[in-house]
């Protein structure tokens, strides 16, 4: 996963655990794509101060993920739900082409609805 995407995802999970200043700097740097110099000028601090803040925040986000694993678990669940939806689609297709069973069709629909609901919650 690209570093920008990784940090953005970690911000979604752990951003509130950073200081307000760290959150702002990380958001400027990763989400708004501002340079260290631009952030420094906007915030009235040195470029080195911005860099240090970004590096500290990145380290904290990565440490939190290492300890808690919420983002990794989220990605695993999303992948599993996608696989469940793909499998349900294949079962429905097979059912309609070869052995049509109303009961199988209803169960596939139920599986699909539950998986979709879980995807929407995430």
N, C-alpha and C. Protein backbone atom coordinates (compact mmCIF):
# COMPACT_ATOMS: atom_id res chain seq x y z
N UNK A 1 0.85 -1.18 0.00
CA UNK A 1 0.00 0.00 0.00
C UNK A 1 0.90 1.24 0.00
N UNK A 2 0.59 2.20 -0.84
CA UNK A 2 1.36 3.43 -0.92
C UNK A 2 1.31 4.15 0.43
N UNK A 3 2.42 4.80 0.76
CA UNK A 3 2.52 5.45 2.07
C UNK A 3 1.40 6.48 2.29
N UNK A 4 1.09 7.26 1.25
CA UNK A 4 0.03 8.27 1.39
C UNK A 4 -1.30 7.63 1.76
N UNK A 5 -1.64 6.54 1.08
CA UNK A 5 -2.90 5.85 1.37
C UNK A 5 -2.87 5.22 2.75
N UNK A 6 -1.72 4.65 3.11
CA UNK A 6 -1.58 4.02 4.41
C UNK A 6 -1.78 5.03 5.53
N UNK A 7 -1.10 6.16 5.43
CA UNK A 7 -1.22 7.19 6.47
C UNK A 7 -2.65 7.75 6.50
N UNK A 8 -3.26 7.97 5.35
CA UNK A 8 -4.64 8.47 5.31
C UNK A 8 -5.59 7.48 5.98
N UNK A 9 -5.41 6.19 5.72
CA UNK A 9 -6.25 5.17 6.35
C UNK A 9 -6.02 5.15 7.86
N UNK A 10 -4.77 5.21 8.27
CA UNK A 10 -4.47 5.22 9.70
C UNK A 10 -5.03 6.46 10.37
N UNK A 11 -5.05 7.58 9.66
CA UNK A 11 -5.66 8.80 10.21
C UNK A 11 -7.15 8.59 10.48
N UNK A 12 -7.82 7.85 9.60
CA UNK A 12 -9.24 7.56 9.80
C UNK A 12 -9.46 6.80 11.11
N UNK A 13 -8.55 5.90 11.43
CA UNK A 13 -8.70 5.07 12.62
C UNK A 13 -8.15 5.72 13.88
N UNK A 14 -7.00 6.37 13.76
CA UNK A 14 -6.29 6.82 14.96
C UNK A 14 -6.05 8.33 15.02
N UNK A 15 -6.53 9.07 14.05
CA UNK A 15 -6.26 10.50 13.98
C UNK A 15 -6.65 11.27 15.23
N UNK A 16 -7.73 10.87 15.86
CA UNK A 16 -8.19 11.57 17.06
C UNK A 16 -7.24 11.38 18.24
N UNK A 17 -6.33 10.42 18.14
CA UNK A 17 -5.39 10.17 19.22
C UNK A 17 -4.14 11.06 19.10
N UNK A 18 -4.00 11.75 17.99
CA UNK A 18 -2.90 12.68 17.81
C UNK A 18 -3.29 14.03 18.41
N UNK A 19 -2.29 14.88 18.61
CA UNK A 19 -2.61 16.23 19.05
C UNK A 19 -3.28 16.97 17.89
N UNK A 20 -3.97 18.03 18.21
CA UNK A 20 -4.64 18.82 17.17
C UNK A 20 -3.63 19.32 16.13
N UNK A 21 -2.49 19.78 16.61
CA UNK A 21 -1.45 20.31 15.71
C UNK A 21 -0.91 19.20 14.79
N UNK A 22 -0.68 18.01 15.34
CA UNK A 22 -0.21 16.89 14.51
C UNK A 22 -1.25 16.52 13.46
N UNK A 23 -2.50 16.49 13.86
CA UNK A 23 -3.57 16.16 12.90
C UNK A 23 -3.59 17.17 11.77
N UNK A 24 -3.52 18.46 12.12
CA UNK A 24 -3.55 19.50 11.09
C UNK A 24 -2.38 19.35 10.12
N UNK A 25 -1.19 19.16 10.65
CA UNK A 25 0.00 19.06 9.81
C UNK A 25 -0.08 17.83 8.91
N UNK A 26 -0.49 16.71 9.45
CA UNK A 26 -0.63 15.48 8.65
C UNK A 26 -1.69 15.67 7.57
N UNK A 27 -2.79 16.29 7.92
CA UNK A 27 -3.84 16.52 6.92
C UNK A 27 -3.37 17.46 5.82
N UNK A 28 -2.66 18.52 6.19
CA UNK A 28 -2.11 19.42 5.17
C UNK A 28 -1.16 18.65 4.26
N UNK A 29 -0.30 17.86 4.85
CA UNK A 29 0.76 17.18 4.10
C UNK A 29 0.20 16.06 3.22
N UNK A 30 -0.65 15.21 3.79
CA UNK A 30 -1.13 14.04 3.04
C UNK A 30 -2.44 14.30 2.28
N UNK A 31 -3.38 14.96 2.91
CA UNK A 31 -4.69 15.13 2.26
C UNK A 31 -4.74 16.35 1.35
N UNK A 32 -4.11 17.45 1.77
CA UNK A 32 -4.13 18.66 0.96
C UNK A 32 -2.92 18.77 0.04
N UNK A 33 -1.98 17.85 0.21
CA UNK A 33 -0.78 17.76 -0.64
C UNK A 33 0.05 19.05 -0.62
N UNK A 34 0.13 19.67 0.56
CA UNK A 34 0.98 20.87 0.70
C UNK A 34 2.41 20.43 1.00
N UNK A 35 3.36 21.22 0.56
CA UNK A 35 4.77 20.92 0.84
C UNK A 35 5.11 21.31 2.27
N UNK A 36 6.23 20.83 2.75
CA UNK A 36 6.68 21.20 4.10
C UNK A 36 6.83 22.71 4.22
N UNK A 37 7.37 23.33 3.16
CA UNK A 37 7.55 24.78 3.15
C UNK A 37 6.24 25.53 3.20
N UNK A 38 5.26 25.06 2.45
CA UNK A 38 3.94 25.70 2.45
C UNK A 38 3.28 25.60 3.82
N UNK A 39 3.38 24.43 4.42
CA UNK A 39 2.79 24.24 5.75
C UNK A 39 3.49 25.14 6.76
N UNK A 40 4.82 25.19 6.67
CA UNK A 40 5.60 26.02 7.59
C UNK A 40 5.17 27.48 7.49
N UNK A 41 5.00 27.97 6.26
CA UNK A 41 4.59 29.36 6.06
C UNK A 41 3.19 29.59 6.62
N UNK A 42 2.28 28.67 6.39
CA UNK A 42 0.90 28.79 6.88
C UNK A 42 0.81 28.74 8.39
N UNK A 43 1.65 27.92 9.00
CA UNK A 43 1.57 27.69 10.44
C UNK A 43 2.53 28.57 11.25
N UNK A 44 3.41 29.26 10.56
CA UNK A 44 4.35 30.13 11.25
C UNK A 44 5.42 29.37 12.02
N UNK A 45 5.81 28.21 11.50
CA UNK A 45 6.90 27.43 12.11
C UNK A 45 7.92 27.10 11.04
N UNK A 46 9.03 26.52 11.44
CA UNK A 46 10.07 26.21 10.47
C UNK A 46 9.70 24.97 9.67
N UNK A 47 10.35 24.86 8.52
CA UNK A 47 10.16 23.67 7.68
C UNK A 47 10.59 22.43 8.45
N UNK A 48 11.70 22.53 9.19
CA UNK A 48 12.19 21.41 9.99
C UNK A 48 11.18 21.04 11.08
N UNK A 49 10.55 22.05 11.66
CA UNK A 49 9.52 21.79 12.68
C UNK A 49 8.35 21.02 12.10
N UNK A 50 7.95 21.38 10.88
CA UNK A 50 6.87 20.66 10.20
C UNK A 50 7.29 19.23 9.93
N UNK A 51 8.50 19.06 9.40
CA UNK A 51 9.00 17.71 9.10
C UNK A 51 9.02 16.85 10.35
N UNK A 52 9.52 17.41 11.45
CA UNK A 52 9.58 16.66 12.71
C UNK A 52 8.19 16.27 13.18
N UNK A 53 7.26 17.19 13.06
CA UNK A 53 5.88 16.92 13.47
C UNK A 53 5.26 15.81 12.61
N UNK A 54 5.48 15.87 11.30
CA UNK A 54 4.97 14.85 10.38
C UNK A 54 5.56 13.49 10.74
N UNK A 55 6.87 13.43 10.95
CA UNK A 55 7.55 12.17 11.26
C UNK A 55 7.07 11.60 12.59
N UNK A 56 6.92 12.45 13.59
CA UNK A 56 6.43 11.98 14.90
C UNK A 56 5.01 11.43 14.77
N UNK A 57 4.15 12.15 14.06
CA UNK A 57 2.77 11.71 13.89
C UNK A 57 2.71 10.39 13.12
N UNK A 58 3.50 10.28 12.05
CA UNK A 58 3.55 9.03 11.29
C UNK A 58 3.96 7.88 12.20
N UNK A 59 5.00 8.10 13.00
CA UNK A 59 5.49 7.05 13.90
C UNK A 59 4.41 6.64 14.90
N UNK A 60 3.69 7.62 15.43
CA UNK A 60 2.62 7.32 16.38
C UNK A 60 1.50 6.52 15.71
N UNK A 61 1.11 6.93 14.51
CA UNK A 61 0.05 6.21 13.79
C UNK A 61 0.47 4.77 13.51
N UNK A 62 1.70 4.59 13.05
CA UNK A 62 2.19 3.24 12.75
C UNK A 62 2.30 2.39 14.02
N UNK A 63 2.71 3.00 15.11
CA UNK A 63 2.79 2.26 16.38
C UNK A 63 1.41 1.85 16.86
N UNK A 64 0.44 2.75 16.75
CA UNK A 64 -0.92 2.41 17.16
C UNK A 64 -1.46 1.26 16.31
N UNK A 65 -1.19 1.30 15.01
CA UNK A 65 -1.65 0.22 14.14
C UNK A 65 -0.97 -1.08 14.50
N UNK A 66 0.32 -1.02 14.80
CA UNK A 66 1.05 -2.23 15.17
C UNK A 66 0.46 -2.85 16.44
N UNK A 67 0.10 -2.01 17.38
CA UNK A 67 -0.45 -2.50 18.65
C UNK A 67 -1.91 -2.95 18.53
N UNK A 68 -2.71 -2.18 17.81
CA UNK A 68 -4.15 -2.44 17.77
C UNK A 68 -4.62 -3.17 16.52
N UNK A 69 -4.00 -2.91 15.38
CA UNK A 69 -4.33 -3.61 14.15
C UNK A 69 -5.72 -3.35 13.59
N UNK A 70 -6.31 -2.21 13.91
CA UNK A 70 -7.67 -1.94 13.45
C UNK A 70 -7.77 -1.78 11.93
N UNK A 71 -6.82 -1.07 11.34
CA UNK A 71 -6.86 -0.86 9.88
C UNK A 71 -6.64 -2.18 9.14
N UNK A 72 -5.72 -3.00 9.64
CA UNK A 72 -5.47 -4.31 9.01
C UNK A 72 -6.72 -5.18 9.10
N UNK A 73 -7.36 -5.17 10.25
CA UNK A 73 -8.59 -5.95 10.43
C UNK A 73 -9.69 -5.43 9.51
N UNK A 74 -9.81 -4.13 9.40
CA UNK A 74 -10.80 -3.52 8.52
C UNK A 74 -10.59 -3.98 7.07
N UNK A 75 -9.32 -3.94 6.61
CA UNK A 75 -9.03 -4.36 5.23
C UNK A 75 -9.35 -5.84 5.04
N UNK A 76 -9.05 -6.68 6.03
CA UNK A 76 -9.36 -8.11 5.94
C UNK A 76 -10.87 -8.34 5.86
N UNK A 77 -11.61 -7.62 6.68
CA UNK A 77 -13.07 -7.76 6.67
C UNK A 77 -13.64 -7.32 5.33
N UNK A 78 -13.15 -6.17 4.82
CA UNK A 78 -13.63 -5.68 3.52
C UNK A 78 -13.35 -6.71 2.43
N UNK A 79 -12.16 -7.27 2.43
CA UNK A 79 -11.79 -8.28 1.43
C UNK A 79 -12.69 -9.51 1.56
N UNK A 80 -12.92 -9.95 2.79
CA UNK A 80 -13.79 -11.10 3.02
C UNK A 80 -15.20 -10.86 2.54
N UNK A 81 -15.72 -9.67 2.81
CA UNK A 81 -17.07 -9.35 2.36
C UNK A 81 -17.16 -9.32 0.83
N UNK A 82 -16.13 -8.80 0.19
CA UNK A 82 -16.11 -8.81 -1.28
C UNK A 82 -16.11 -10.25 -1.81
N UNK A 83 -15.34 -11.12 -1.17
CA UNK A 83 -15.30 -12.52 -1.58
C UNK A 83 -16.64 -13.21 -1.36
N UNK A 84 -17.29 -12.89 -0.25
CA UNK A 84 -18.62 -13.45 0.02
C UNK A 84 -19.61 -13.01 -1.05
N UNK A 85 -19.58 -11.73 -1.40
CA UNK A 85 -20.49 -11.23 -2.44
C UNK A 85 -20.21 -11.88 -3.79
N UNK A 86 -18.93 -12.06 -4.13
CA UNK A 86 -18.57 -12.73 -5.39
C UNK A 86 -19.07 -14.17 -5.38
N UNK A 87 -18.88 -14.87 -4.27
CA UNK A 87 -19.32 -16.27 -4.18
C UNK A 87 -20.84 -16.36 -4.28
N UNK A 88 -21.54 -15.45 -3.62
CA UNK A 88 -23.01 -15.46 -3.68
C UNK A 88 -23.49 -15.23 -5.11
N UNK A 89 -22.81 -14.34 -5.82
CA UNK A 89 -23.18 -14.08 -7.22
C UNK A 89 -22.98 -15.35 -8.07
N UNK A 90 -21.88 -16.05 -7.85
CA UNK A 90 -21.61 -17.28 -8.61
C UNK A 90 -22.63 -18.37 -8.28
N UNK A 91 -22.98 -18.48 -7.01
CA UNK A 91 -23.98 -19.47 -6.61
C UNK A 91 -25.32 -19.15 -7.26
N UNK A 92 -25.71 -17.89 -7.25
CA UNK A 92 -26.98 -17.49 -7.86
C UNK A 92 -26.96 -17.78 -9.36
N UNK A 93 -25.84 -17.48 -9.99
CA UNK A 93 -25.73 -17.75 -11.44
C UNK A 93 -25.83 -19.24 -11.72
N UNK A 94 -25.13 -20.06 -10.94
CA UNK A 94 -25.18 -21.50 -11.13
C UNK A 94 -26.60 -22.01 -10.88
N UNK A 95 -27.20 -21.50 -9.81
CA UNK A 95 -28.56 -21.91 -9.46
C UNK A 95 -29.53 -21.60 -10.59
N UNK A 96 -29.42 -20.42 -11.18
CA UNK A 96 -30.37 -20.04 -12.22
C UNK A 96 -30.12 -20.80 -13.53
N UNK A 97 -28.87 -21.21 -13.78
CA UNK A 97 -28.56 -21.90 -15.03
C UNK A 97 -28.81 -23.40 -14.98
N UNK A 98 -28.65 -24.02 -13.80
CA UNK A 98 -28.65 -25.48 -13.77
C UNK A 98 -29.76 -26.12 -12.94
N UNK A 99 -30.01 -25.67 -11.76
CA UNK A 99 -30.89 -26.43 -10.87
C UNK A 99 -31.97 -25.58 -10.22
N UNK A 100 -32.37 -24.53 -10.74
CA UNK A 100 -33.10 -23.50 -10.02
C UNK A 100 -33.85 -24.02 -8.80
N UNK A 101 -33.43 -23.47 -7.65
CA UNK A 101 -34.09 -23.75 -6.38
C UNK A 101 -34.47 -22.41 -5.78
N UNK A 102 -35.75 -22.27 -5.49
CA UNK A 102 -36.24 -21.04 -4.89
C UNK A 102 -35.58 -20.83 -3.52
N UNK A 103 -35.40 -21.91 -2.78
CA UNK A 103 -34.80 -21.84 -1.45
C UNK A 103 -33.34 -21.35 -1.54
N UNK A 104 -32.58 -21.88 -2.49
CA UNK A 104 -31.19 -21.44 -2.67
C UNK A 104 -31.17 -19.97 -3.07
N UNK A 105 -32.03 -19.58 -3.95
CA UNK A 105 -32.09 -18.20 -4.41
C UNK A 105 -32.39 -17.25 -3.23
N UNK A 106 -33.33 -17.65 -2.38
CA UNK A 106 -33.65 -16.82 -1.21
C UNK A 106 -32.46 -16.70 -0.26
N UNK A 107 -31.76 -17.79 -0.04
CA UNK A 107 -30.61 -17.77 0.86
C UNK A 107 -29.47 -16.92 0.28
N UNK A 108 -29.26 -17.01 -1.01
CA UNK A 108 -28.24 -16.18 -1.66
C UNK A 108 -28.61 -14.70 -1.52
N UNK A 109 -29.86 -14.39 -1.71
CA UNK A 109 -30.32 -13.01 -1.56
C UNK A 109 -30.09 -12.52 -0.13
N UNK A 110 -30.37 -13.39 0.84
CA UNK A 110 -30.17 -13.03 2.25
C UNK A 110 -28.68 -12.80 2.55
N UNK A 111 -27.82 -13.68 2.06
CA UNK A 111 -26.37 -13.53 2.25
C UNK A 111 -25.90 -12.22 1.64
N UNK A 112 -26.37 -11.94 0.44
CA UNK A 112 -25.99 -10.72 -0.26
C UNK A 112 -26.43 -9.47 0.50
N UNK A 113 -27.64 -9.48 0.99
CA UNK A 113 -28.15 -8.33 1.75
C UNK A 113 -27.35 -8.10 3.02
N UNK A 114 -27.04 -9.18 3.75
CA UNK A 114 -26.26 -9.04 4.98
C UNK A 114 -24.87 -8.51 4.68
N UNK A 115 -24.22 -9.07 3.67
CA UNK A 115 -22.86 -8.63 3.31
C UNK A 115 -22.87 -7.17 2.86
N UNK A 116 -23.90 -6.77 2.10
CA UNK A 116 -24.01 -5.38 1.65
C UNK A 116 -24.18 -4.44 2.85
N UNK A 117 -25.03 -4.83 3.79
CA UNK A 117 -25.23 -4.02 4.99
C UNK A 117 -23.93 -3.84 5.75
N UNK A 118 -23.16 -4.91 5.88
CA UNK A 118 -21.88 -4.84 6.59
C UNK A 118 -20.89 -3.96 5.83
N UNK A 119 -20.91 -4.04 4.51
CA UNK A 119 -20.04 -3.18 3.69
C UNK A 119 -20.40 -1.71 3.90
N UNK A 120 -21.70 -1.43 3.96
CA UNK A 120 -22.16 -0.05 4.13
C UNK A 120 -21.80 0.50 5.49
N UNK A 121 -21.76 -0.36 6.52
CA UNK A 121 -21.40 0.06 7.88
C UNK A 121 -19.94 0.43 7.96
N UNK A 122 -19.11 -0.27 7.24
CA UNK A 122 -17.67 -0.06 7.31
C UNK A 122 -17.38 1.28 6.75
